[in-house]
């Protein structure tokens, strides 16, 4: 479904849906566009590899019910343009690539600071991470399967600071100063 040129690739409405699904479901897609929805990693890969796209993430903060957004857009490095992209399954396990941020939600996908104060800078950066589900653990930076621990498939890096497909206790998005619980979310892409 397209809204003002934006293609909805994910929608999470409240806590009634169980996002703890296997790799095959996240690859093919599931749900309904008027409810909880995932377009499918293979479709996302095909769309984003054909031309540059912007990514918009909208999150509803649980304790205020206010909506915030983060947008990632392309930029030029030398002769090459970079933008939101999902890698292929065989070589990249649907690796997430984002660049350029604007918005008021916080840059949770590219976070490279020391959020936990433990000196592990960049350990919660989701950019460049492979997709993980309960039956396919691709987070090479953590000893446990984050999808099992957090309750949904995502581009995990040590299980923290961003996941909009997680269970109620772990559905979150980070700002520079804090991580807040998310009750609803939407991800959309738009060709450049």
N, C-alpha and C. Protein backbone atom coordinates (compact mmCIF):
# COMPACT_ATOMS: atom_id res chain seq x y z
N UNK A 1 0.84 -1.17 0.00
CA UNK A 1 0.00 0.00 0.00
C UNK A 1 0.88 1.24 0.00
N UNK A 2 0.47 2.25 -0.72
CA UNK A 2 1.22 3.48 -0.83
C UNK A 2 0.39 4.65 -0.29
N UNK A 3 1.03 5.51 0.51
CA UNK A 3 0.39 6.69 1.05
C UNK A 3 1.27 7.89 0.70
N UNK A 4 0.77 8.77 -0.18
CA UNK A 4 1.52 9.94 -0.63
C UNK A 4 2.89 9.54 -1.17
N UNK A 5 2.97 8.44 -1.89
CA UNK A 5 4.21 7.96 -2.47
C UNK A 5 5.05 7.09 -1.56
N UNK A 6 4.67 6.98 -0.28
CA UNK A 6 5.38 6.13 0.66
C UNK A 6 4.80 4.73 0.63
N UNK A 7 5.65 3.72 0.55
CA UNK A 7 5.22 2.31 0.57
C UNK A 7 5.39 1.80 2.00
N UNK A 8 4.30 1.36 2.61
CA UNK A 8 4.37 0.85 3.97
C UNK A 8 5.01 -0.54 3.95
N UNK A 9 6.09 -0.70 4.72
CA UNK A 9 6.77 -2.00 4.78
C UNK A 9 6.60 -2.67 6.14
N UNK A 10 6.14 -1.91 7.12
CA UNK A 10 5.94 -2.47 8.46
C UNK A 10 4.91 -1.62 9.20
N UNK A 11 4.04 -2.29 9.94
CA UNK A 11 3.11 -1.59 10.82
C UNK A 11 2.86 -2.44 12.05
N UNK A 12 3.00 -1.82 13.21
CA UNK A 12 2.84 -2.51 14.50
C UNK A 12 1.84 -1.69 15.31
N UNK A 13 0.67 -2.25 15.58
CA UNK A 13 -0.38 -1.52 16.30
C UNK A 13 -0.68 -2.20 17.63
N UNK A 14 -0.18 -1.62 18.70
CA UNK A 14 -0.43 -2.16 20.03
C UNK A 14 0.31 -3.47 20.27
N UNK A 15 -0.17 -4.22 21.26
CA UNK A 15 0.53 -5.43 21.69
C UNK A 15 -0.28 -6.70 21.49
N UNK A 16 -1.21 -6.71 20.56
CA UNK A 16 -2.06 -7.90 20.39
C UNK A 16 -1.45 -8.95 19.47
N UNK A 17 -0.46 -8.59 18.66
CA UNK A 17 0.12 -9.49 17.67
C UNK A 17 1.43 -10.09 18.19
N UNK A 18 1.65 -11.37 17.95
CA UNK A 18 2.89 -12.03 18.35
C UNK A 18 3.88 -11.98 17.19
N UNK A 19 4.92 -11.14 17.31
CA UNK A 19 5.92 -10.95 16.27
C UNK A 19 7.02 -12.01 16.31
N UNK A 20 6.93 -12.96 17.20
CA UNK A 20 7.93 -14.03 17.34
C UNK A 20 7.68 -15.08 16.26
N UNK A 21 8.09 -14.77 15.04
CA UNK A 21 7.83 -15.62 13.88
C UNK A 21 9.14 -16.12 13.27
N UNK A 22 9.09 -17.20 12.49
CA UNK A 22 10.30 -17.76 11.89
C UNK A 22 10.78 -16.95 10.68
N UNK A 23 11.99 -17.28 10.26
CA UNK A 23 12.65 -16.63 9.12
C UNK A 23 11.75 -16.61 7.87
N UNK A 24 11.14 -17.73 7.55
CA UNK A 24 10.33 -17.83 6.33
C UNK A 24 9.21 -16.79 6.32
N UNK A 25 8.60 -16.52 7.47
CA UNK A 25 7.53 -15.53 7.54
C UNK A 25 8.06 -14.12 7.32
N UNK A 26 9.18 -13.79 7.97
CA UNK A 26 9.76 -12.46 7.77
C UNK A 26 10.26 -12.29 6.33
N UNK A 27 10.72 -13.35 5.73
CA UNK A 27 11.16 -13.28 4.33
C UNK A 27 9.98 -13.03 3.39
N UNK A 28 8.89 -13.77 3.57
CA UNK A 28 7.74 -13.69 2.66
C UNK A 28 6.79 -12.54 2.98
N UNK A 29 6.72 -12.15 4.24
CA UNK A 29 5.78 -11.12 4.65
C UNK A 29 4.55 -11.74 5.29
N UNK A 30 3.82 -10.92 6.06
CA UNK A 30 2.64 -11.42 6.77
C UNK A 30 1.79 -10.25 7.23
N UNK A 31 0.59 -10.58 7.68
CA UNK A 31 -0.32 -9.60 8.26
C UNK A 31 -1.18 -8.91 7.23
N UNK A 32 -1.82 -7.86 7.67
CA UNK A 32 -2.75 -7.09 6.84
C UNK A 32 -2.39 -5.61 6.93
N UNK A 33 -2.43 -4.92 5.81
CA UNK A 33 -2.02 -3.52 5.76
C UNK A 33 -2.86 -2.62 6.67
N UNK A 34 -4.07 -3.06 7.03
CA UNK A 34 -4.89 -2.25 7.93
C UNK A 34 -4.74 -2.69 9.39
N UNK A 35 -3.76 -3.55 9.66
CA UNK A 35 -3.49 -4.02 11.03
C UNK A 35 -1.98 -4.19 11.17
N UNK A 36 -1.54 -5.22 11.86
CA UNK A 36 -0.11 -5.51 11.97
C UNK A 36 0.38 -6.11 10.66
N UNK A 37 1.54 -5.64 10.20
CA UNK A 37 1.93 -5.94 8.83
C UNK A 37 3.45 -5.92 8.68
N UNK A 38 3.95 -6.85 7.85
CA UNK A 38 5.36 -6.89 7.45
C UNK A 38 5.39 -7.22 5.97
N UNK A 39 5.91 -6.33 5.14
CA UNK A 39 5.91 -6.51 3.69
C UNK A 39 6.68 -7.76 3.26
N UNK A 40 7.76 -8.06 3.92
CA UNK A 40 8.60 -9.21 3.57
C UNK A 40 9.99 -8.74 3.18
N UNK A 41 11.00 -9.40 3.73
CA UNK A 41 12.39 -9.02 3.48
C UNK A 41 12.78 -9.16 2.01
N UNK A 42 12.28 -10.19 1.35
CA UNK A 42 12.63 -10.36 -0.06
C UNK A 42 12.07 -9.22 -0.90
N UNK A 43 10.84 -8.82 -0.65
CA UNK A 43 10.26 -7.68 -1.38
C UNK A 43 11.01 -6.39 -1.05
N UNK A 44 11.36 -6.21 0.22
CA UNK A 44 12.12 -5.02 0.60
C UNK A 44 13.45 -4.98 -0.14
N UNK A 45 14.12 -6.13 -0.20
CA UNK A 45 15.40 -6.20 -0.93
C UNK A 45 15.21 -5.83 -2.39
N UNK A 46 14.21 -6.43 -3.03
CA UNK A 46 13.98 -6.17 -4.46
C UNK A 46 13.66 -4.70 -4.72
N UNK A 47 12.84 -4.10 -3.88
CA UNK A 47 12.49 -2.69 -4.04
C UNK A 47 13.70 -1.78 -3.85
N UNK A 48 14.45 -2.01 -2.77
CA UNK A 48 15.53 -1.08 -2.43
C UNK A 48 16.79 -1.31 -3.25
N UNK A 49 16.92 -2.45 -3.90
CA UNK A 49 18.10 -2.67 -4.74
C UNK A 49 17.89 -2.18 -6.17
N UNK A 50 16.65 -1.85 -6.53
CA UNK A 50 16.37 -1.41 -7.89
C UNK A 50 16.62 0.08 -8.09
N UNK A 51 16.52 0.88 -7.01
CA UNK A 51 16.78 2.31 -7.07
C UNK A 51 16.89 2.84 -5.64
N UNK A 52 17.50 4.03 -5.46
CA UNK A 52 17.64 4.58 -4.11
C UNK A 52 16.28 4.88 -3.48
N UNK A 53 16.18 4.62 -2.18
CA UNK A 53 14.96 4.88 -1.43
C UNK A 53 15.26 5.63 -0.14
N UNK A 54 14.28 6.38 0.33
CA UNK A 54 14.28 6.95 1.67
C UNK A 54 13.57 5.98 2.59
N UNK A 55 13.92 5.98 3.86
CA UNK A 55 13.23 5.20 4.88
C UNK A 55 12.69 6.16 5.92
N UNK A 56 11.42 5.99 6.27
CA UNK A 56 10.81 6.77 7.34
C UNK A 56 10.30 5.79 8.40
N UNK A 57 10.69 6.02 9.66
CA UNK A 57 10.24 5.22 10.78
C UNK A 57 9.43 6.13 11.69
N UNK A 58 8.20 5.73 11.99
CA UNK A 58 7.36 6.49 12.89
C UNK A 58 7.08 5.62 14.11
N UNK A 59 7.27 6.18 15.30
CA UNK A 59 7.08 5.43 16.54
C UNK A 59 6.18 6.21 17.49
N UNK A 60 5.29 5.49 18.18
CA UNK A 60 4.42 6.09 19.17
C UNK A 60 4.94 5.72 20.56
N UNK A 61 5.33 6.73 21.32
CA UNK A 61 5.87 6.51 22.65
C UNK A 61 4.77 6.03 23.59
N UNK A 62 5.04 4.97 24.32
CA UNK A 62 4.03 4.35 25.17
C UNK A 62 3.51 5.27 26.27
N UNK A 63 4.40 5.94 26.99
CA UNK A 63 3.95 6.70 28.16
C UNK A 63 3.30 8.04 27.82
N UNK A 64 3.45 8.56 26.59
CA UNK A 64 2.84 9.84 26.23
C UNK A 64 1.82 9.71 25.10
N UNK A 65 1.86 8.60 24.36
CA UNK A 65 1.05 8.39 23.14
C UNK A 65 1.41 9.35 22.02
N UNK A 66 2.50 10.09 22.15
CA UNK A 66 2.94 11.00 21.10
C UNK A 66 3.72 10.23 20.03
N UNK A 67 3.60 10.68 18.78
CA UNK A 67 4.31 10.07 17.66
C UNK A 67 5.57 10.87 17.34
N UNK A 68 6.65 10.15 16.99
CA UNK A 68 7.91 10.76 16.60
C UNK A 68 8.38 10.06 15.32
N UNK A 69 9.26 10.71 14.58
CA UNK A 69 9.71 10.09 13.33
C UNK A 69 11.22 10.23 13.14
N UNK A 70 11.76 9.29 12.39
CA UNK A 70 13.16 9.29 11.97
C UNK A 70 13.17 9.03 10.48
N UNK A 71 13.94 9.80 9.75
CA UNK A 71 14.00 9.59 8.31
C UNK A 71 15.45 9.47 7.88
N UNK A 72 15.70 8.50 7.01
CA UNK A 72 17.04 8.23 6.47
C UNK A 72 16.97 8.43 4.96
N UNK A 73 17.89 9.19 4.42
CA UNK A 73 17.87 9.53 3.01
C UNK A 73 19.24 9.27 2.40
N UNK A 74 19.29 9.35 1.10
CA UNK A 74 20.57 9.05 0.43
C UNK A 74 21.47 10.27 0.41
N UNK A 75 22.76 10.01 0.23
CA UNK A 75 23.73 11.07 0.04
C UNK A 75 24.79 10.55 -0.93
N UNK A 76 25.57 11.44 -1.47
CA UNK A 76 26.54 11.05 -2.49
C UNK A 76 27.94 10.97 -1.90
N UNK A 77 28.63 9.86 -2.19
CA UNK A 77 30.04 9.71 -1.82
C UNK A 77 30.78 9.46 -3.13
N UNK A 78 31.59 10.41 -3.55
CA UNK A 78 32.26 10.30 -4.84
C UNK A 78 31.21 10.26 -5.95
N UNK A 79 31.23 9.20 -6.73
CA UNK A 79 30.25 9.03 -7.81
C UNK A 79 29.12 8.10 -7.41
N UNK A 80 29.13 7.63 -6.17
CA UNK A 80 28.16 6.63 -5.75
C UNK A 80 27.13 7.21 -4.78
N UNK A 81 25.86 6.87 -4.98
CA UNK A 81 24.80 7.30 -4.08
C UNK A 81 24.50 6.19 -3.08
N UNK A 82 24.29 6.57 -1.84
CA UNK A 82 23.95 5.62 -0.79
C UNK A 82 22.58 5.97 -0.26
N UNK A 83 21.82 4.99 0.18
CA UNK A 83 20.50 5.23 0.73
C UNK A 83 20.07 4.03 1.55
N UNK A 84 18.84 4.02 1.96
CA UNK A 84 18.28 2.87 2.65
C UNK A 84 18.29 1.68 1.70
N UNK A 85 18.79 0.55 2.16
CA UNK A 85 18.81 -0.65 1.33
C UNK A 85 18.80 -1.89 2.21
N UNK A 86 18.16 -2.92 1.70
CA UNK A 86 18.18 -4.24 2.34
C UNK A 86 18.96 -5.16 1.42
N UNK A 87 19.99 -5.80 1.96
CA UNK A 87 20.81 -6.72 1.18
C UNK A 87 20.05 -7.97 0.80
N UNK A 88 20.68 -8.84 0.03
CA UNK A 88 20.01 -10.08 -0.39
C UNK A 88 20.11 -11.14 0.71
N UNK A 89 19.38 -12.22 0.53
CA UNK A 89 19.36 -13.27 1.55
C UNK A 89 20.64 -14.09 1.54
N UNK A 90 21.09 -14.55 0.39
CA UNK A 90 22.21 -15.47 0.29
C UNK A 90 23.51 -14.88 0.84
N UNK A 91 23.88 -13.69 0.37
CA UNK A 91 25.16 -13.10 0.75
C UNK A 91 25.11 -12.24 2.01
N UNK A 92 23.96 -11.59 2.24
CA UNK A 92 23.89 -10.58 3.30
C UNK A 92 22.89 -10.87 4.41
N UNK A 93 22.10 -11.92 4.28
CA UNK A 93 21.05 -12.21 5.29
C UNK A 93 20.19 -10.97 5.52
N UNK A 94 19.86 -10.27 4.41
CA UNK A 94 19.01 -9.07 4.43
C UNK A 94 19.59 -7.96 5.31
N UNK A 95 20.87 -7.73 5.16
CA UNK A 95 21.59 -6.69 5.93
C UNK A 95 20.93 -5.32 5.74
N UNK A 96 20.85 -4.56 6.82
CA UNK A 96 20.28 -3.21 6.81
C UNK A 96 21.37 -2.19 6.49
N UNK A 97 21.10 -1.31 5.55
CA UNK A 97 22.00 -0.20 5.24
C UNK A 97 21.19 1.08 5.25
N UNK A 98 21.52 2.00 6.15
CA UNK A 98 20.86 3.30 6.21
C UNK A 98 21.91 4.39 6.28
N UNK A 99 21.52 5.60 5.88
CA UNK A 99 22.43 6.73 5.97
C UNK A 99 21.62 8.01 6.04
N UNK A 100 22.26 9.05 6.55
CA UNK A 100 21.61 10.34 6.64
C UNK A 100 20.39 10.27 7.55
N UNK A 101 20.33 11.08 8.57
CA UNK A 101 19.21 11.05 9.51
C UNK A 101 18.64 12.44 9.70
N UNK A 102 17.33 12.51 9.82
CA UNK A 102 16.65 13.72 10.30
C UNK A 102 15.41 13.26 11.04
N UNK A 103 14.91 14.09 11.93
CA UNK A 103 13.69 13.77 12.64
C UNK A 103 13.78 14.09 14.11
N UNK A 104 12.71 13.70 14.84
CA UNK A 104 12.65 13.98 16.27
C UNK A 104 12.56 12.71 17.11
N UNK A 105 12.69 11.54 16.48
CA UNK A 105 12.60 10.27 17.20
C UNK A 105 13.94 9.84 17.78
N UNK A 106 15.03 10.34 17.25
CA UNK A 106 16.36 9.88 17.63
C UNK A 106 16.89 8.93 16.56
N UNK A 107 18.19 8.95 16.36
CA UNK A 107 18.84 8.15 15.32
C UNK A 107 19.19 6.76 15.87
N UNK A 108 18.16 6.00 16.16
CA UNK A 108 18.34 4.71 16.82
C UNK A 108 19.01 3.66 15.94
N UNK A 109 18.88 3.77 14.62
CA UNK A 109 19.46 2.75 13.73
C UNK A 109 20.95 2.92 13.52
N UNK A 110 21.45 4.15 13.66
CA UNK A 110 22.88 4.41 13.43
C UNK A 110 23.60 4.82 14.71
N UNK A 111 23.06 4.49 15.86
CA UNK A 111 23.61 4.96 17.12
C UNK A 111 25.01 4.41 17.35
N UNK A 112 25.99 5.30 17.48
CA UNK A 112 27.38 4.88 17.65
C UNK A 112 27.99 5.35 18.96
N UNK A 113 27.18 5.97 19.83
CA UNK A 113 27.70 6.48 21.09
C UNK A 113 27.89 5.40 22.13
N UNK A 114 28.00 5.84 23.36
CA UNK A 114 28.21 4.94 24.50
C UNK A 114 26.97 5.00 25.38
N UNK A 115 25.84 4.54 24.85
CA UNK A 115 24.55 4.64 25.52
C UNK A 115 24.57 4.03 26.91
N UNK A 116 25.17 2.90 27.08
CA UNK A 116 25.15 2.20 28.37
C UNK A 116 26.23 2.71 29.33
N UNK A 117 27.12 3.59 28.85
CA UNK A 117 28.19 4.09 29.70
C UNK A 117 29.23 3.05 30.05
N UNK A 118 29.37 2.05 29.19
CA UNK A 118 30.29 0.95 29.47
C UNK A 118 31.54 0.96 28.58
N UNK A 119 31.72 2.04 27.83
CA UNK A 119 32.88 2.16 26.95
C UNK A 119 32.77 1.37 25.66
N UNK A 120 31.62 0.76 25.41
CA UNK A 120 31.42 -0.04 24.19
C UNK A 120 30.75 0.80 23.11
N UNK A 121 31.47 1.79 22.61
CA UNK A 121 30.94 2.69 21.60
C UNK A 121 30.55 1.91 20.34
N UNK A 122 29.39 2.22 19.79
CA UNK A 122 28.94 1.61 18.54
C UNK A 122 28.36 0.22 18.68
N UNK A 123 28.28 -0.31 19.87
CA UNK A 123 27.79 -1.67 20.04
C UNK A 123 26.28 -1.81 19.92
N UNK A 124 25.58 -0.71 19.72
CA UNK A 124 24.13 -0.77 19.53
C UNK A 124 23.75 -0.18 18.18
N UNK A 125 24.69 -0.09 17.26
CA UNK A 125 24.47 0.44 15.92
C UNK A 125 23.85 -0.66 15.05
N UNK A 126 22.64 -0.46 14.59
CA UNK A 126 21.94 -1.47 13.79
C UNK A 126 22.31 -1.39 12.31
N UNK A 127 22.86 -0.26 11.89
CA UNK A 127 23.27 -0.09 10.51
C UNK A 127 24.35 -1.13 10.18
N UNK A 128 24.15 -1.86 9.09
CA UNK A 128 25.10 -2.88 8.68
C UNK A 128 24.84 -4.25 9.28
N UNK A 129 23.80 -4.38 10.12
CA UNK A 129 23.51 -5.66 10.77
C UNK A 129 22.63 -6.55 9.89
N UNK A 130 22.81 -7.85 10.04
CA UNK A 130 21.99 -8.85 9.36
C UNK A 130 20.70 -9.06 10.14
N UNK A 131 19.67 -9.56 9.46
CA UNK A 131 18.38 -9.79 10.10
C UNK A 131 18.42 -11.09 10.91
N UNK A 132 17.77 -11.08 12.07
CA UNK A 132 17.73 -12.24 12.96
C UNK A 132 16.28 -12.57 13.31
N UNK A 133 15.97 -13.86 13.31
CA UNK A 133 14.68 -14.35 13.78
C UNK A 133 14.93 -15.45 14.81
N UNK A 134 13.84 -15.97 15.39
CA UNK A 134 13.99 -16.99 16.43
C UNK A 134 14.68 -18.25 15.93
N UNK A 135 14.60 -18.53 14.62
CA UNK A 135 15.23 -19.74 14.10
C UNK A 135 16.42 -19.46 13.19
N UNK A 136 16.88 -18.19 13.14
CA UNK A 136 18.09 -17.86 12.38
C UNK A 136 18.78 -16.68 13.05
N UNK A 137 19.81 -16.98 13.83
CA UNK A 137 20.53 -15.98 14.61
C UNK A 137 21.70 -15.43 13.79
N UNK A 138 21.59 -14.17 13.36
CA UNK A 138 22.64 -13.56 12.56
C UNK A 138 23.33 -12.38 13.26
N UNK A 139 23.04 -12.17 14.54
CA UNK A 139 23.73 -11.14 15.30
C UNK A 139 25.04 -11.75 15.83
N UNK A 140 26.11 -11.48 15.13
CA UNK A 140 27.40 -12.06 15.48
C UNK A 140 28.04 -11.42 16.70
N UNK A 141 27.43 -10.35 17.23
CA UNK A 141 28.01 -9.63 18.35
C UNK A 141 27.42 -10.02 19.70
N UNK A 142 26.55 -11.01 19.73
CA UNK A 142 25.91 -11.38 20.99
C UNK A 142 25.83 -12.89 21.11
N UNK A 143 26.02 -13.40 22.30
CA UNK A 143 26.07 -14.84 22.50
C UNK A 143 24.70 -15.51 22.45
N UNK A 144 23.63 -14.78 22.79
CA UNK A 144 22.30 -15.37 22.73
C UNK A 144 21.55 -14.88 21.50
N UNK A 145 20.48 -15.55 21.14
CA UNK A 145 19.66 -15.14 20.02
C UNK A 145 18.74 -14.02 20.49
N UNK A 146 18.97 -12.81 20.00
CA UNK A 146 18.20 -11.64 20.42
C UNK A 146 16.73 -11.76 20.08
N UNK A 147 16.39 -12.42 18.98
CA UNK A 147 14.98 -12.58 18.61
C UNK A 147 14.23 -13.42 19.63
N UNK A 148 14.88 -14.43 20.17
CA UNK A 148 14.27 -15.26 21.21
C UNK A 148 14.14 -14.44 22.49
N UNK A 149 15.19 -13.72 22.85
CA UNK A 149 15.19 -12.94 24.09
C UNK A 149 14.25 -11.75 24.04
N UNK A 150 14.09 -11.12 22.87
CA UNK A 150 13.32 -9.88 22.75
C UNK A 150 11.92 -10.06 22.15
N UNK A 151 11.68 -11.18 21.48
CA UNK A 151 10.33 -11.47 21.02
C UNK A 151 9.96 -11.02 19.63
N UNK A 152 10.89 -10.91 18.71
CA UNK A 152 10.55 -10.55 17.33
C UNK A 152 11.77 -10.50 16.45
N UNK A 153 11.59 -10.50 15.14
CA UNK A 153 12.70 -10.42 14.20
C UNK A 153 13.17 -8.99 14.00
N UNK A 154 14.50 -8.80 13.83
CA UNK A 154 15.04 -7.45 13.67
C UNK A 154 16.51 -7.51 13.26
N UNK A 155 17.06 -6.35 12.92
CA UNK A 155 18.48 -6.20 12.60
C UNK A 155 19.21 -5.92 13.92
N UNK A 156 19.30 -6.93 14.76
CA UNK A 156 19.83 -6.76 16.11
C UNK A 156 21.34 -6.54 16.13
N UNK A 157 21.74 -5.72 17.09
CA UNK A 157 23.14 -5.59 17.47
C UNK A 157 23.16 -5.56 18.99
N UNK A 158 23.47 -6.68 19.59
CA UNK A 158 23.51 -6.83 21.05
C UNK A 158 22.14 -6.62 21.70
N UNK A 159 21.08 -6.79 20.93
CA UNK A 159 19.70 -6.85 21.45
C UNK A 159 19.08 -5.52 21.89
N UNK A 160 19.77 -4.39 21.75
CA UNK A 160 19.22 -3.18 22.36
C UNK A 160 19.05 -1.99 21.42
N UNK A 161 18.44 -1.00 21.91
CA UNK A 161 18.10 0.37 21.51
C UNK A 161 17.18 0.56 20.33
N UNK A 162 16.92 -0.43 19.54
CA UNK A 162 15.91 -0.27 18.49
C UNK A 162 15.33 -1.63 18.15
N UNK A 163 14.02 -1.73 18.25
CA UNK A 163 13.30 -2.89 17.75
C UNK A 163 11.82 -2.53 17.74
N UNK A 164 11.22 -2.48 16.57
CA UNK A 164 9.79 -2.16 16.48
C UNK A 164 8.97 -3.39 16.11
N UNK A 165 9.58 -4.57 16.20
CA UNK A 165 8.84 -5.83 16.02
C UNK A 165 8.96 -6.72 17.24
N UNK A 166 9.40 -6.15 18.34
CA UNK A 166 9.62 -6.95 19.56
C UNK A 166 8.34 -7.08 20.38
N UNK A 167 8.41 -7.94 21.38
CA UNK A 167 7.31 -8.10 22.32
C UNK A 167 7.11 -6.85 23.16
N UNK A 168 6.03 -6.79 23.90
CA UNK A 168 5.64 -5.60 24.66
C UNK A 168 6.74 -5.06 25.56
N UNK A 169 7.51 -5.92 26.19
CA UNK A 169 8.54 -5.48 27.13
C UNK A 169 9.82 -4.99 26.44
N UNK A 170 9.95 -5.21 25.14
CA UNK A 170 11.20 -4.89 24.45
C UNK A 170 11.00 -4.08 23.17
N UNK A 171 9.79 -3.64 22.89
CA UNK A 171 9.52 -2.82 21.71
C UNK A 171 9.99 -1.40 22.04
N UNK A 172 11.12 -0.97 21.43
CA UNK A 172 11.77 0.26 21.88
C UNK A 172 12.44 1.02 20.75
N UNK A 173 12.73 2.29 21.05
CA UNK A 173 13.47 3.17 20.15
C UNK A 173 14.29 4.11 21.03
N UNK A 174 15.50 4.42 20.63
CA UNK A 174 16.39 5.22 21.48
C UNK A 174 16.59 6.63 20.94
N UNK A 175 16.74 7.57 21.87
CA UNK A 175 17.23 8.91 21.57
C UNK A 175 18.66 8.95 22.08
N UNK A 176 19.30 10.11 22.01
CA UNK A 176 20.67 10.22 22.52
C UNK A 176 20.75 10.04 24.03
N UNK A 177 19.66 10.34 24.72
CA UNK A 177 19.73 10.30 26.18
C UNK A 177 18.93 9.17 26.83
N UNK A 178 18.03 8.55 26.10
CA UNK A 178 17.23 7.50 26.74
C UNK A 178 16.63 6.56 25.69
N UNK A 179 16.12 5.45 26.19
CA UNK A 179 15.40 4.50 25.36
C UNK A 179 13.96 4.52 25.84
N UNK A 180 13.00 4.68 24.93
CA UNK A 180 11.61 4.69 25.36
C UNK A 180 10.83 3.54 24.74
N UNK A 181 9.81 3.11 25.47
CA UNK A 181 8.95 2.02 25.01
C UNK A 181 8.04 2.52 23.90
N UNK A 182 7.86 1.68 22.90
CA UNK A 182 7.03 2.01 21.75
C UNK A 182 5.80 1.12 21.76
N UNK A 183 4.62 1.73 21.61
CA UNK A 183 3.38 0.95 21.57
C UNK A 183 2.95 0.65 20.14
N UNK A 184 3.21 1.59 19.23
CA UNK A 184 2.87 1.40 17.81
C UNK A 184 3.98 1.98 16.96
N UNK A 185 4.10 1.45 15.74
CA UNK A 185 5.15 1.94 14.84
C UNK A 185 4.78 1.66 13.40
N UNK A 186 5.48 2.37 12.52
CA UNK A 186 5.29 2.20 11.09
C UNK A 186 6.63 2.47 10.40
N UNK A 187 6.96 1.68 9.39
CA UNK A 187 8.13 1.92 8.57
C UNK A 187 7.66 2.04 7.13
N UNK A 188 8.19 3.04 6.42
CA UNK A 188 7.78 3.28 5.04
C UNK A 188 9.01 3.62 4.21
N UNK A 189 8.96 3.29 2.93
CA UNK A 189 10.02 3.66 2.02
C UNK A 189 9.43 4.44 0.85
N UNK A 190 10.28 5.26 0.24
CA UNK A 190 9.85 6.09 -0.89
C UNK A 190 11.01 6.20 -1.86
N UNK A 191 10.77 5.94 -3.14
CA UNK A 191 11.86 6.09 -4.12
C UNK A 191 12.37 7.51 -4.14
N UNK A 192 13.70 7.66 -4.36
CA UNK A 192 14.30 9.00 -4.44
C UNK A 192 13.96 9.65 -5.77
